[in-house]
């Protein structure tokens, strides 16, 4: 399993910046798992391995400005882009599976969104 992290970065879901353009995503994590299958056939090339599937999940942690409704993203399937810097990012089709909000009188509101892979296509890096 590969695990990638981003800190003080940006995340987009369905081409919309999560939270706002001031990069209030404080952390993201992408966990990817690729598997091989074994294929057997008649002939000289009777046994080989082929890529089978890529499964992934991701989490974004962010500060929540007043009035932002991230809970509306739950159960939505779209392209998730997790940025390492201004131009490089991981991208894949995902479904938002969970929204968690934490509030405190002493600190800014924070939230966490969780995503699961929703496609057989691999994760792209650009």
Foldseek 3Di string as FASTA:
>chain_A
DDKDKAALFWKDWQNHTPQDPNSQFGMKMKDKDWDKDWAADDDDPGIDIDTDAMKMKMKIKGFHDPPDDPVVQAQPWGKMWTDRHDPKTKIAIWGWHDKDWDDDPVDTIMIMIMIIHDDRDDIDID
